[in-house]
N, C-alpha and C. Protein backbone atom coordinates (compact mmCIF):
# COMPACT_ATOMS: atom_id res chain seq x y z
N UNK A 1 9.86 17.74 11.50
CA UNK A 1 8.71 16.81 11.47
C UNK A 1 8.08 16.80 10.10
N UNK A 2 7.85 17.93 9.50
CA UNK A 2 7.17 17.97 8.21
C UNK A 2 8.02 17.34 7.10
N UNK A 3 9.32 17.43 7.24
CA UNK A 3 10.16 16.78 6.23
C UNK A 3 10.06 15.27 6.32
N UNK A 4 9.84 14.77 7.49
CA UNK A 4 9.67 13.31 7.69
C UNK A 4 8.36 12.84 7.03
N UNK A 5 7.36 13.64 7.14
CA UNK A 5 6.08 13.31 6.51
C UNK A 5 6.21 13.30 5.00
N UNK A 6 6.88 14.30 4.45
CA UNK A 6 7.10 14.36 3.00
C UNK A 6 7.96 13.19 2.52
N UNK A 7 8.93 12.82 3.32
CA UNK A 7 9.78 11.63 2.99
C UNK A 7 8.91 10.37 2.97
N UNK A 8 8.08 10.22 3.97
CA UNK A 8 7.17 9.05 4.01
C UNK A 8 6.24 9.01 2.85
N UNK A 9 5.65 10.15 2.46
CA UNK A 9 4.74 10.21 1.28
C UNK A 9 5.52 9.86 0.03
N UNK A 10 6.74 10.37 -0.11
CA UNK A 10 7.55 10.07 -1.24
C UNK A 10 7.86 8.59 -1.33
N UNK A 11 8.20 7.96 -0.24
CA UNK A 11 8.50 6.52 -0.22
C UNK A 11 7.24 5.68 -0.56
N UNK A 12 6.09 6.13 -0.09
CA UNK A 12 4.88 5.41 -0.42
C UNK A 12 4.60 5.50 -1.91
N UNK A 13 4.79 6.69 -2.50
CA UNK A 13 4.61 6.84 -3.94
C UNK A 13 5.55 5.99 -4.74
N UNK A 14 6.77 5.90 -4.32
CA UNK A 14 7.77 5.06 -4.98
C UNK A 14 7.34 3.61 -4.96
N UNK A 15 6.95 3.13 -3.77
CA UNK A 15 6.59 1.70 -3.61
C UNK A 15 5.31 1.43 -4.41
N UNK A 16 4.33 2.31 -4.37
CA UNK A 16 3.08 2.11 -5.09
C UNK A 16 3.30 2.17 -6.58
N UNK A 17 4.21 2.94 -7.05
CA UNK A 17 4.50 3.07 -8.47
C UNK A 17 5.29 1.93 -9.07
N UNK A 18 5.97 1.13 -8.24
CA UNK A 18 6.75 0.01 -8.76
C UNK A 18 5.90 -1.06 -9.50
N UNK A 19 4.75 -1.34 -8.96
CA UNK A 19 3.90 -2.37 -9.57
C UNK A 19 3.55 -2.06 -10.98
N UNK A 20 2.88 -0.93 -11.29
CA UNK A 20 2.53 -0.63 -12.67
C UNK A 20 3.78 -0.38 -13.55
N UNK A 21 4.84 0.05 -12.97
CA UNK A 21 6.08 0.30 -13.75
C UNK A 21 6.72 -1.02 -14.18
N UNK A 22 6.85 -1.97 -13.31
CA UNK A 22 7.58 -3.18 -13.61
C UNK A 22 6.65 -4.25 -14.31
N UNK A 23 5.45 -4.40 -13.83
CA UNK A 23 4.55 -5.45 -14.39
C UNK A 23 3.12 -4.88 -14.58
N UNK A 24 2.91 -4.05 -15.62
CA UNK A 24 1.58 -3.44 -15.73
C UNK A 24 0.44 -4.42 -15.97
N UNK A 25 0.65 -5.51 -16.68
CA UNK A 25 -0.40 -6.49 -16.92
C UNK A 25 -0.76 -7.23 -15.63
N UNK A 26 0.25 -7.62 -14.86
CA UNK A 26 -0.03 -8.29 -13.60
C UNK A 26 -0.69 -7.35 -12.59
N UNK A 27 -0.28 -6.09 -12.60
CA UNK A 27 -0.88 -5.10 -11.72
C UNK A 27 -2.31 -4.90 -12.07
N UNK A 28 -2.62 -4.82 -13.36
CA UNK A 28 -4.00 -4.57 -13.85
C UNK A 28 -4.89 -5.75 -13.40
N UNK A 29 -4.39 -6.96 -13.59
CA UNK A 29 -5.21 -8.11 -13.21
C UNK A 29 -5.41 -8.19 -11.74
N UNK A 30 -4.41 -7.81 -10.96
CA UNK A 30 -4.54 -7.81 -9.48
C UNK A 30 -5.61 -6.80 -9.07
N UNK A 31 -5.59 -5.61 -9.66
CA UNK A 31 -6.63 -4.61 -9.32
C UNK A 31 -8.00 -5.05 -9.74
N UNK A 32 -8.12 -5.75 -10.85
CA UNK A 32 -9.38 -6.28 -11.32
C UNK A 32 -9.92 -7.31 -10.30
N UNK A 33 -9.00 -8.18 -9.82
CA UNK A 33 -9.44 -9.18 -8.81
C UNK A 33 -9.83 -8.48 -7.52
N UNK A 34 -9.10 -7.48 -7.10
CA UNK A 34 -9.47 -6.78 -5.88
C UNK A 34 -10.82 -6.12 -5.97
N UNK A 35 -11.14 -5.62 -7.18
CA UNK A 35 -12.44 -4.93 -7.33
C UNK A 35 -13.64 -5.89 -7.24
N UNK A 36 -13.37 -7.20 -7.39
CA UNK A 36 -14.42 -8.20 -7.28
C UNK A 36 -14.69 -8.68 -5.83
N UNK A 37 -13.76 -8.31 -4.92
CA UNK A 37 -13.88 -8.79 -3.55
C UNK A 37 -14.95 -8.03 -2.77
N UNK A 38 -15.61 -8.71 -1.84
CA UNK A 38 -16.63 -7.97 -1.01
C UNK A 38 -15.98 -6.92 -0.11
N UNK A 39 -16.76 -5.98 0.22
CA UNK A 39 -16.32 -4.83 1.06
C UNK A 39 -15.67 -5.26 2.37
N UNK A 40 -16.26 -6.27 3.01
CA UNK A 40 -15.75 -6.69 4.31
C UNK A 40 -14.31 -7.27 4.15
N UNK A 41 -14.05 -7.98 3.08
CA UNK A 41 -12.70 -8.51 2.92
C UNK A 41 -11.70 -7.37 2.60
N UNK A 42 -12.13 -6.41 1.80
CA UNK A 42 -11.24 -5.29 1.53
C UNK A 42 -10.93 -4.49 2.79
N UNK A 43 -11.93 -4.39 3.63
CA UNK A 43 -11.67 -3.66 4.94
C UNK A 43 -10.67 -4.43 5.77
N UNK A 44 -10.80 -5.76 5.81
CA UNK A 44 -9.85 -6.58 6.59
C UNK A 44 -8.47 -6.42 6.04
N UNK A 45 -8.30 -6.52 4.75
CA UNK A 45 -6.99 -6.34 4.12
C UNK A 45 -6.39 -4.94 4.46
N UNK A 46 -7.25 -3.93 4.26
CA UNK A 46 -6.80 -2.57 4.58
C UNK A 46 -6.42 -2.39 6.03
N UNK A 47 -7.18 -3.01 6.93
CA UNK A 47 -6.84 -2.93 8.36
C UNK A 47 -5.52 -3.59 8.64
N UNK A 48 -5.30 -4.76 8.04
CA UNK A 48 -4.05 -5.47 8.25
C UNK A 48 -2.88 -4.63 7.75
N UNK A 49 -3.07 -3.98 6.58
CA UNK A 49 -1.98 -3.16 6.05
C UNK A 49 -1.70 -1.96 6.96
N UNK A 50 -2.74 -1.34 7.55
CA UNK A 50 -2.53 -0.23 8.45
C UNK A 50 -1.81 -0.69 9.69
N UNK A 51 -2.19 -1.83 10.25
CA UNK A 51 -1.53 -2.39 11.46
C UNK A 51 -0.04 -2.67 11.16
N UNK A 52 0.20 -3.28 10.00
CA UNK A 52 1.55 -3.60 9.59
C UNK A 52 2.36 -2.34 9.44
N UNK A 53 1.80 -1.32 8.85
CA UNK A 53 2.49 -0.01 8.73
C UNK A 53 2.80 0.62 10.02
N UNK A 54 1.86 0.56 10.99
CA UNK A 54 2.07 1.15 12.32
C UNK A 54 3.19 0.37 13.02
N UNK A 55 3.16 -0.94 12.95
CA UNK A 55 4.24 -1.74 13.60
C UNK A 55 5.60 -1.44 13.00
N UNK A 56 5.68 -1.34 11.68
CA UNK A 56 6.97 -1.03 11.04
C UNK A 56 7.42 0.38 11.44
N UNK A 57 6.49 1.35 11.39
CA UNK A 57 6.88 2.68 11.82
C UNK A 57 7.35 2.77 13.24
N UNK A 58 6.70 2.01 14.14
CA UNK A 58 7.08 1.99 15.52
C UNK A 58 8.48 1.38 15.68
N UNK A 59 8.72 0.27 14.96
CA UNK A 59 9.98 -0.40 15.10
C UNK A 59 11.17 0.46 14.57
N UNK A 60 10.91 1.26 13.57
CA UNK A 60 12.01 2.05 12.99
C UNK A 60 12.08 3.48 13.52
N UNK A 61 11.22 3.80 14.48
CA UNK A 61 11.26 5.22 15.00
C UNK A 61 12.00 5.24 16.31
């Protein structure tokens, strides 16, 4: 079980690192735009990402 968690963390780090690695200027502007959004919208986006992650994990488990 713990090796699965470490694998998942590693995959998240790989996916998260691709943006700044491949397109640092685009990534920087995206983060700047996200920082201007209201808290409620960021929470909605975060909630949607969590739900999508749970659905994907459920489908592949």
